[in-house]
C-alpha atoms as a PDB file:
ATOM      1  CA  UNK A   1      98.303 155.786-190.759  1.00  0.00           C
ATOM      2  CA  UNK A   2      97.708 158.734-192.541  1.00  0.00           C
ATOM      3  CA  UNK A   3      94.015 160.598-191.933  1.00  0.00           C
ATOM      4  CA  UNK A   4      92.232 162.195-194.600  1.00  0.00           C
ATOM      5  CA  UNK A   5      90.092 165.206-192.733  1.00  0.00           C
ATOM      6  CA  UNK A   6      87.901 167.105-194.817  1.00  0.00           C
ATOM      7  CA  UNK A   7      88.276 171.482-194.258  1.00  0.00           C
ATOM      8  CA  UNK A   8      85.111 171.134-191.584  1.00  0.00           C
ATOM      9  CA  UNK A   9      86.931 168.456-189.576  1.00  0.00           C
ATOM     10  CA  UNK A  10      90.573 170.829-189.960  1.00  0.00           C
ATOM     11  CA  UNK A  11      87.959 174.007-189.037  1.00  0.00           C
ATOM     12  CA  UNK A  12      87.135 171.793-185.798  1.00  0.00           C
ATOM     13  CA  UNK A  13      89.849 170.484-185.236  1.00  0.00           C
ATOM     14  CA  UNK A  14      91.355 173.157-185.210  1.00  0.00           C
ATOM     15  CA  UNK A  15      88.922 174.879-182.415  1.00  0.00           C
ATOM     16  CA  UNK A  16      88.704 171.499-180.654  1.00  0.00           C
ATOM     17  CA  UNK A  17      92.665 172.312-179.471  1.00  0.00           C
ATOM     18  CA  UNK A  18      92.888 175.545-178.680  1.00  0.00           C
ATOM     19  CA  UNK A  19      89.915 175.050-176.306  1.00  0.00           C
ATOM     20  CA  UNK A  20      92.079 171.808-175.291  1.00  0.00           C
ATOM     21  CA  UNK A  21      95.006 174.210-174.954  1.00  0.00           C
ATOM     22  CA  UNK A  22      92.891 177.040-172.760  1.00  0.00           C
ATOM     23  CA  UNK A  23      92.790 179.167-175.806  1.00  0.00           C
ATOM     24  CA  UNK A  24      89.487 179.892-176.459  1.00  0.00           C
ATOM     25  CA  UNK A  25      86.317 178.455-174.559  1.00  0.00           C
ATOM     26  CA  UNK A  26      83.749 175.743-175.740  1.00  0.00           C
ATOM     27  CA  UNK A  27      81.366 178.858-176.479  1.00  0.00           C
ATOM     28  CA  UNK A  28      83.901 181.285-178.554  1.00  0.00           C
ATOM     29  CA  UNK A  29      85.079 177.730-180.570  1.00  0.00           C
ATOM     30  CA  UNK A  30      81.057 177.424-181.771  1.00  0.00           C
ATOM     31  CA  UNK A  31      80.939 180.556-183.143  1.00  0.00           C
ATOM     32  CA  UNK A  32      82.848 179.466-185.712  1.00  0.00           C
ATOM     33  CA  UNK A  33      81.229 179.449-189.217  1.00  0.00           C
ATOM     34  CA  UNK A  34      79.743 175.919-189.025  1.00  0.00           C
ATOM     35  CA  UNK A  35      80.530 174.893-186.075  1.00  0.00           C
ATOM     36  CA  UNK A  36      78.007 174.348-182.955  1.00  0.00           C
ATOM     37  CA  UNK A  37      78.535 173.902-179.084  1.00  0.00           C
ATOM     38  CA  UNK A  38      77.189 170.103-179.014  1.00  0.00           C
ATOM     39  CA  UNK A  39      80.150 169.807-182.005  1.00  0.00           C
ATOM     40  CA  UNK A  40      82.700 171.113-179.818  1.00  0.00           C
ATOM     41  CA  UNK A  41      81.170 169.197-177.038  1.00  0.00           C
ATOM     42  CA  UNK A  42      81.217 165.577-178.927  1.00  0.00           C
ATOM     43  CA  UNK A  43      84.732 166.387-180.803  1.00  0.00           C
ATOM     44  CA  UNK A  44      86.435 167.352-177.590  1.00  0.00           C
ATOM     45  CA  UNK A  45      85.819 164.067-175.668  1.00  0.00           C
ATOM     46  CA  UNK A  46      86.522 162.127-179.088  1.00  0.00           C
ATOM     47  CA  UNK A  47      89.614 164.272-179.524  1.00  0.00           C
ATOM     48  CA  UNK A  48      91.151 163.041-175.873  1.00  0.00           C
ATOM     49  CA  UNK A  49      89.629 159.721-176.156  1.00  0.00           C
ATOM     50  CA  UNK A  50      90.919 158.791-179.964  1.00  0.00           C
ATOM     51  CA  UNK A  51      93.547 162.104-180.983  1.00  0.00           C
ATOM     52  CA  UNK A  52      92.901 163.458-184.087  1.00  0.00           C
ATOM     53  CA  UNK A  53      91.915 160.908-185.997  1.00  0.00           C
ATOM     54  CA  UNK A  54      88.507 160.846-183.365  1.00  0.00           C
ATOM     55  CA  UNK A  55      87.372 164.063-185.220  1.00  0.00           C
ATOM     56  CA  UNK A  56      87.491 162.199-189.197  1.00  0.00           C
ATOM     57  CA  UNK A  57      83.717 161.912-189.554  1.00  0.00           C
ATOM     58  CA  UNK A  58      82.848 158.401-190.880  1.00  0.00           C
ATOM     59  CA  UNK A  59      82.059 158.705-194.776  1.00  0.00           C
ATOM     60  CA  UNK A  60      81.806 156.565-197.276  1.00  0.00           C
ATOM     61  CA  UNK A  61      85.446 157.917-198.301  1.00  0.00           C
ATOM     62  CA  UNK A  62      87.033 157.039-194.752  1.00  0.00           C
ATOM     63  CA  UNK A  63      85.292 153.781-194.777  1.00  0.00           C
ATOM     64  CA  UNK A  64      87.919 152.240-196.776  1.00  0.00           C
END
């Protein structure tokens, strides 16, 4: 199954992967433009449960 992600979602995924690999902290990830600590915490939980697709934000584009 192909996952379509926006630029914001790809940026968040890259930050989440870096946190998961312990390359940066959640706070450091949140310093990137457009990413908050809340985004990182919630995204990390979804990433651990569902993988890359868990970060795909629900939009009309993705509902089809």
